[in-house]
Protein backbone atom coordinates (compact mmCIF):
# COMPACT_ATOMS: atom_id res chain seq x y z
CA MET A 1 -23.00 75.99 -4.36
CA THR A 2 -25.06 75.98 -7.58
CA ASN A 3 -28.39 75.55 -5.76
CA TYR A 4 -27.52 78.41 -3.42
CA ILE A 5 -26.64 80.63 -6.36
CA ASP A 6 -29.92 79.74 -8.10
CA ASN A 7 -31.90 80.86 -5.04
CA ALA A 8 -29.76 83.96 -4.65
CA LEU A 9 -30.58 84.82 -8.27
CA LYS A 10 -34.29 84.48 -7.40
CA VAL A 11 -33.84 86.95 -4.53
CA PHE A 12 -32.37 89.55 -6.90
CA GLU A 13 -35.07 88.92 -9.50
CA ASN A 14 -38.17 88.45 -7.31
CA ASN A 15 -37.39 90.64 -4.30
CA PHE A 16 -35.45 93.47 -5.97
CA ASP A 17 -36.34 93.31 -9.68
CA LEU A 18 -32.64 94.01 -10.23
CA LYS A 19 -31.79 95.89 -13.42
CA LYS A 20 -28.51 95.25 -15.26
CA GLU A 21 -27.29 98.85 -14.95
CA GLU A 22 -27.67 98.88 -11.16
CA LYS A 23 -24.69 98.72 -8.78
CA VAL A 24 -24.73 96.04 -6.06
CA VAL A 25 -22.82 95.81 -2.80
CA ILE A 26 -22.71 92.62 -0.74
CA ILE A 27 -21.91 93.51 2.87
CA THR A 28 -20.74 90.74 5.18
CA ASP A 29 -18.46 89.96 8.09
CA ASP A 30 -15.80 87.39 8.90
CA ARG A 31 -18.31 84.82 10.16
CA MET A 32 -20.80 85.08 7.29
CA ARG A 33 -18.51 85.15 4.26
CA ASP A 34 -19.49 81.68 3.01
CA VAL A 35 -23.21 82.53 3.10
CA ALA A 36 -22.65 85.88 1.39
CA LEU A 37 -20.63 84.46 -1.52
CA PRO A 38 -23.62 82.95 -3.42
CA PHE A 39 -25.19 86.44 -3.55
CA TYR A 40 -21.94 87.91 -4.87
CA GLU A 41 -21.72 85.16 -7.51
CA ALA A 42 -25.37 85.65 -8.46
CA ALA A 43 -24.99 89.41 -8.95
CA CYS A 44 -21.87 88.83 -11.07
CA ILE A 45 -23.72 86.24 -13.17
CA LYS A 46 -26.43 88.84 -13.83
CA GLY A 47 -23.72 91.17 -15.12
CA ASN A 48 -24.08 93.88 -12.48
CA GLU A 49 -21.22 96.00 -11.19
CA THR A 50 -20.73 94.26 -7.84
CA VAL A 51 -18.55 94.85 -4.78
CA PHE A 52 -17.98 92.38 -1.90
CA SER A 53 -17.30 94.26 1.35
CA GLN A 54 -16.28 92.39 4.51
CA PHE A 55 -15.58 93.66 8.04
CA PRO A 56 -14.83 92.06 11.45
CA ALA A 57 -17.74 90.36 13.24
CA ILE A 58 -17.21 92.20 16.53
CA TYR A 59 -20.49 94.09 16.92
CA LYS A 60 -24.04 93.71 18.26
CA SER A 61 -27.40 93.93 16.51
CA GLY A 62 -28.29 97.59 16.12
CA GLU A 63 -24.67 98.77 16.46
CA GLU A 64 -23.43 101.06 13.69
CA PRO A 65 -21.11 99.45 11.10
CA PRO A 66 -17.75 100.99 10.09
CA ALA A 67 -18.00 104.28 8.20
CA LEU A 68 -16.68 102.67 4.99
CA ILE A 69 -19.53 100.16 5.09
CA ALA A 70 -22.09 102.91 5.66
CA GLN A 71 -20.72 104.81 2.66
CA ALA A 72 -20.78 101.69 0.45
CA MET A 73 -24.47 101.27 1.25
CA LYS A 74 -25.15 104.82 0.10
CA ASP A 75 -23.16 104.39 -3.10
CA ALA A 76 -25.03 101.26 -4.27
CA ASP A 77 -28.41 100.87 -5.92
CA VAL A 78 -28.95 97.58 -4.08
CA ALA A 79 -27.25 96.54 -0.83
CA LEU A 80 -27.50 93.07 0.68
CA CYS A 81 -26.32 92.86 4.30
CA VAL A 82 -25.45 89.21 4.99
CA THR A 83 -24.15 89.69 8.53
CA THR A 84 -23.94 87.97 11.90
CA ALA A 85 -25.71 90.73 13.82
CA SER A 86 -28.41 92.94 12.36
CA LEU A 87 -27.86 96.25 10.56
CA THR A 88 -31.63 96.67 10.15
CA HIS A 89 -32.14 99.25 12.89
CA THR A 90 -29.09 101.42 12.29
CA ARG A 91 -28.56 104.98 11.09
CA ALA A 92 -26.38 103.57 8.30
CA LYS A 93 -29.31 101.67 6.85
CA LYS A 94 -31.74 104.54 7.35
CA GLU A 95 -29.44 107.11 5.73
CA ALA A 96 -28.63 104.83 2.78
CA ALA A 97 -32.33 104.21 2.17
CA ALA A 98 -32.90 107.98 2.26
CA THR A 99 -30.44 108.33 -0.65
CA GLY A 100 -32.45 105.78 -2.66
CA THR A 101 -30.58 102.54 -2.00
CA ARG A 102 -32.76 99.43 -1.84
CA ILE A 103 -31.54 97.37 1.12
CA GLY A 104 -32.07 93.78 2.17
CA THR A 105 -30.79 92.88 5.63
CA MET A 106 -30.19 89.16 6.28
CA PRO A 107 -28.74 88.87 9.80
CA GLY A 108 -27.72 85.33 10.72
CA ILE A 109 -29.05 83.73 7.54
CA THR A 110 -27.73 80.20 7.02
CA LEU A 111 -27.19 78.15 3.88
CA SER A 112 -30.10 75.97 5.04
CA MET A 113 -32.36 79.05 5.15
CA LEU A 114 -31.25 79.89 1.62
CA GLU A 115 -32.63 76.51 0.51
CA GLN A 116 -36.02 76.32 2.30
CA GLY A 117 -38.37 77.84 4.85
CA ALA A 118 -39.33 81.53 4.85
CA ILE A 119 -37.64 82.12 1.51
CA GLU A 120 -40.21 79.79 -0.16
CA ALA A 121 -43.31 81.76 0.88
CA ASP A 122 -45.91 82.93 -1.64
CA PRO A 123 -45.27 86.70 -1.83
CA ASP A 124 -48.95 87.54 -2.40
CA THR A 125 -49.98 85.75 0.81
CA VAL A 126 -47.22 87.44 2.81
CA GLN A 127 -48.26 90.81 1.34
CA LYS A 128 -51.94 90.37 2.28
CA LEU A 129 -51.20 89.22 5.84
CA THR A 130 -48.63 91.97 6.35
CA ASP A 131 -50.94 94.69 5.02
CA TYR A 132 -53.75 93.55 7.32
CA PHE A 133 -51.67 93.63 10.49
CA THR A 134 -49.86 96.85 9.54
CA ASP A 135 -53.19 98.63 9.06
CA LEU A 136 -54.46 97.22 12.36
CA LEU A 137 -51.41 98.50 14.24
CA GLU A 138 -51.55 101.87 12.48
CA ARG A 139 -55.07 102.67 13.64
CA SER A 140 -54.86 101.28 17.17
CA SER A 141 -53.74 102.46 20.59
CA GLU A 142 -53.31 99.64 23.11
CA VAL A 143 -51.89 96.09 23.01
CA LYS A 144 -52.25 93.30 25.55
CA ILE A 145 -50.34 90.01 25.18
CA GLU A 146 -50.98 86.87 27.24
CA LYS A 147 -48.74 83.82 27.32
CA ASP A 148 -48.76 81.01 29.89
CA GLY A 149 -50.74 83.13 32.35
CA GLU A 150 -48.46 86.19 32.17
CA VAL A 151 -49.70 89.50 30.71
CA LEU A 152 -47.88 92.45 29.13
CA THR A 153 -49.58 95.71 28.12
CA PHE A 154 -48.28 98.78 26.28
CA SER A 155 -49.37 101.73 24.15
CA ILE A 156 -48.81 102.19 20.42
CA ASN A 157 -50.91 105.35 20.24
CA GLY A 158 -49.73 107.70 17.49
CA ARG A 159 -46.99 105.41 16.23
CA LYS A 160 -46.72 104.25 12.61
CA GLY A 161 -47.22 100.62 11.61
CA ILE A 162 -44.37 99.30 9.45
CA PRO A 163 -44.79 96.54 6.83
CA SER A 164 -41.90 94.22 5.98
CA THR A 165 -42.72 91.99 3.02
CA GLY A 166 -39.21 91.39 1.69
CA ILE A 167 -40.14 93.03 -1.63
CA PHE A 168 -38.01 96.11 -2.43
CA ARG A 169 -38.56 97.31 -5.97
CA GLU A 170 -38.79 101.07 -5.41
CA LYS A 171 -35.97 103.45 -4.45
CA GLY A 172 -35.37 103.64 -0.72
CA GLN A 173 -37.29 100.50 0.22
CA ALA A 174 -35.53 98.40 2.83
CA GLY A 175 -36.02 95.55 5.28
CA ASN A 176 -35.32 91.90 5.97
CA VAL A 177 -34.89 89.18 3.36
CA PRO A 178 -36.60 86.78 3.71
CA SER A 179 -39.38 88.60 5.48
CA GLY A 180 -42.99 88.69 6.57
CA GLU A 181 -43.87 90.87 9.55
CA ALA A 182 -45.80 93.94 10.62
CA PHE A 183 -44.20 95.93 13.42
CA ILE A 184 -44.41 99.16 15.40
CA ALA A 185 -42.50 101.12 18.04
CA PRO A 186 -44.44 101.13 21.35
CA LEU A 187 -44.34 104.27 23.48
CA GLU A 188 -41.11 103.79 25.34
CA ASP A 189 -42.39 104.21 28.93
CA SER A 190 -45.75 102.49 28.47
CA ALA A 191 -45.01 98.76 28.84
CA ASN A 192 -45.80 96.98 32.10
CA GLY A 193 -46.13 93.32 33.04
CA LYS A 194 -44.47 90.03 32.12
CA ILE A 195 -44.02 88.10 28.90
CA VAL A 196 -42.89 84.49 28.42
CA VAL A 197 -40.42 84.05 25.55
CA ASP A 198 -40.37 80.46 24.28
CA GLY A 199 -39.19 80.83 20.67
CA SER A 200 -35.79 82.42 20.32
CA ILE A 201 -33.73 85.45 21.24
CA ALA A 202 -31.55 87.30 18.72
CA GLN A 203 -27.83 86.45 19.02
CA ILE A 204 -28.63 83.81 21.66
CA GLY A 205 -30.67 81.30 19.63
CA LYS A 206 -33.54 78.96 20.40
CA VAL A 207 -34.85 79.19 23.94
CA ASP A 208 -34.03 75.97 25.78
CA GLN A 209 -36.37 76.83 28.68
CA PRO A 210 -39.05 79.56 28.57
CA VAL A 211 -37.64 82.93 29.67
CA THR A 212 -39.94 85.26 31.62
CA LEU A 213 -39.24 88.96 31.05
CA PHE A 214 -40.22 91.48 33.74
CA ILE A 215 -40.99 94.94 32.34
CA GLU A 216 -41.76 98.08 34.34
CA ASN A 217 -42.49 101.49 32.80
CA GLY A 218 -41.01 100.36 29.52
CA LYS A 219 -37.76 98.93 30.95
CA LEU A 220 -36.68 95.30 31.12
CA VAL A 221 -35.83 94.98 34.83
CA ASP A 222 -35.26 91.23 35.10
CA ALA A 223 -35.30 87.97 33.11
CA THR A 224 -35.30 84.37 34.27
CA GLY A 225 -32.79 81.62 33.55
CA ARG A 226 -29.37 81.48 31.95
CA GLN A 227 -30.57 82.85 28.61
CA GLY A 228 -32.43 85.64 30.39
CA LYS A 229 -29.18 86.73 32.03
CA GLU A 230 -27.45 86.59 28.63
CA LEU A 231 -30.17 88.87 27.24
CA LEU A 232 -29.67 91.40 30.04
CA GLU A 233 -25.92 91.41 29.38
CA LEU A 234 -26.42 91.89 25.63
CA LEU A 235 -28.70 94.87 26.20
CA GLY A 236 -26.31 96.56 28.60
CA THR A 237 -27.42 100.11 29.39
CA GLU A 238 -30.83 101.40 30.46
CA ASP A 239 -31.51 102.59 26.90
CA GLY A 240 -30.70 99.09 25.67
CA LYS A 241 -33.33 97.67 28.05
CA THR A 242 -36.08 99.98 26.80
CA ILE A 243 -38.93 98.36 24.86
CA ALA A 244 -38.38 99.11 21.19
CA GLU A 245 -40.68 97.02 19.02
CA PHE A 246 -43.81 94.90 18.85
CA GLY A 247 -43.93 92.67 15.77
CA ILE A 248 -46.35 90.12 14.30
CA GLY A 249 -45.08 87.31 12.06
CA THR A 250 -46.78 87.00 8.66
CA ASN A 251 -44.80 84.33 6.78
CA PRO A 252 -46.60 80.95 6.69
CA THR A 253 -43.53 78.94 5.57
CA ALA A 254 -41.11 80.39 8.13
CA ARG A 255 -39.83 78.06 10.89
CA ILE A 256 -38.30 78.47 14.32
CA THR A 257 -34.63 77.87 13.52
CA GLY A 258 -32.78 79.74 16.24
CA VAL A 259 -32.04 82.56 13.79
CA VAL A 260 -34.31 85.51 14.54
CA LEU A 261 -34.22 86.66 10.91
CA GLU A 262 -36.58 83.76 10.17
CA ASP A 263 -38.03 83.09 13.64
CA GLU A 264 -39.70 86.51 14.03
CA LYS A 265 -41.45 86.02 10.67
CA VAL A 266 -43.27 82.79 11.69
CA PHE A 267 -47.04 83.17 11.26
CA GLY A 268 -48.68 82.64 14.65
CA THR A 269 -45.87 84.31 16.62
CA VAL A 270 -45.22 87.79 17.97
CA HIS A 271 -41.96 89.36 19.10
CA ILE A 272 -40.87 92.06 21.48
CA ALA A 273 -37.55 93.86 21.04
CA PHE A 274 -35.47 96.10 23.26
CA GLY A 275 -33.00 98.86 22.41
CA SER A 276 -32.93 101.15 19.37
CA ASN A 277 -36.13 102.10 17.57
CA LYS A 278 -35.47 105.61 16.27
CA PRO A 279 -35.02 104.33 12.68
CA PHE A 280 -38.70 103.26 12.60
CA GLY A 281 -40.56 105.90 14.58
CA GLY A 282 -39.36 105.66 18.18
CA VAL A 283 -36.95 107.86 20.14
CA THR A 284 -34.30 105.44 21.46
CA GLU A 285 -30.76 105.17 20.08
CA ALA A 286 -29.03 102.49 22.12
CA GLY A 287 -26.49 100.87 19.81
CA VAL A 288 -28.29 97.55 20.24
CA HIS A 289 -31.59 95.96 19.15
CA ILE A 290 -32.50 92.46 20.35
CA ASP A 291 -35.71 90.61 19.38
CA CYS A 292 -37.46 87.99 21.55
CA VAL A 293 -39.93 85.60 19.85
CA VAL A 294 -43.09 84.30 21.52
CA LYS A 295 -44.80 81.22 20.06
CA GLU A 296 -48.60 80.80 19.98
CA PRO A 297 -49.52 83.92 21.98
CA THR A 298 -52.95 85.36 22.67
CA PHE A 299 -53.20 89.09 22.13
CA TRP A 300 -55.73 91.91 22.04
CA ILE A 301 -55.57 95.24 20.22
CA ASP A 302 -57.80 98.00 21.59
CA GLY A 303 -59.67 95.36 23.58
CA GLU A 304 -60.45 93.10 20.59
CA LYS A 305 -58.91 89.63 20.62
CA VAL A 306 -56.89 89.27 17.43
CA MET A 307 -55.04 86.00 18.03
CA GLU A 308 -55.72 83.09 20.39
CA LYS A 309 -52.81 80.74 21.08
CA GLY A 310 -51.30 81.47 17.69
CA ARG A 311 -54.55 81.27 15.73
CA VAL A 312 -55.74 84.45 14.00
CA LEU A 313 -59.45 85.06 14.58
CA ASN A 314 -60.19 87.01 11.36
CA PRO A 315 -61.87 84.59 8.90
CA ASP A 316 -61.27 86.93 5.94
CA LEU A 317 -57.50 86.49 5.96
CA PRO A 318 -55.87 84.08 3.47
CA SER A 319 -55.93 80.47 4.66
CA VAL A 320 -52.47 79.25 5.60
């Protein structure tokens, strides 16, 4: 436990610059209690007023938490969400951030991830890579992704690029911990084509056989294999099957683990998500948000090839 607490202390110090007078809430569920406890112990060691709040693990990523949890997030200066499914793309998180709470969401994090991997990344490198891709998304209009001969295209015209570095030192800053991605909400009816997912799928895990997703006018209409069928069931309604996010991993020490919190941050990957995206510039509220990670893709932005089979083509970026 001591090693886990030491690394949890580093998260509070390095990612949040936690001050002694600040109030902390650790939000968890019945499945993640053991992983959340080191963060509770660390905040107590630092002398902060700290609350441990636990609720049943019967919810999906993007689904709103109980009202008491949402209120606890608003009442804290720093909220860490160590949960099974993700609270990242929820109104609760968005509204708490609007009140000034700094929020780290850690869906599915394991004790192993608390020891090594994405959490070990050099923050300056992650910052530079994230800033580059966020700026690129911000000023662009069209994306084309190719993987194993299949092509998916969509528009990002007019949408805002979002950086997620895992560093939250100013009021209202929020995102994943550990982190490292630049992402954006595509126009909801603009995506057409196919994409091969060979990394992982949120709440399902590592892909055992590549899953081909069929997308028409922004909707996921079919998916191959057993895990593809599981994805369709998780997404449920038509709103749940609407394209929600395009993200680019920017963390050089992240690994494919089967936990999307880390998997979608792997440098040399991209991810597509379906469901809710209103909290970061889209229009869909679906009560679900599921990410699908693609390893070593080739993609173009506004006709310029940016990445070829996982290798970024800009020589000015930090070497990784």
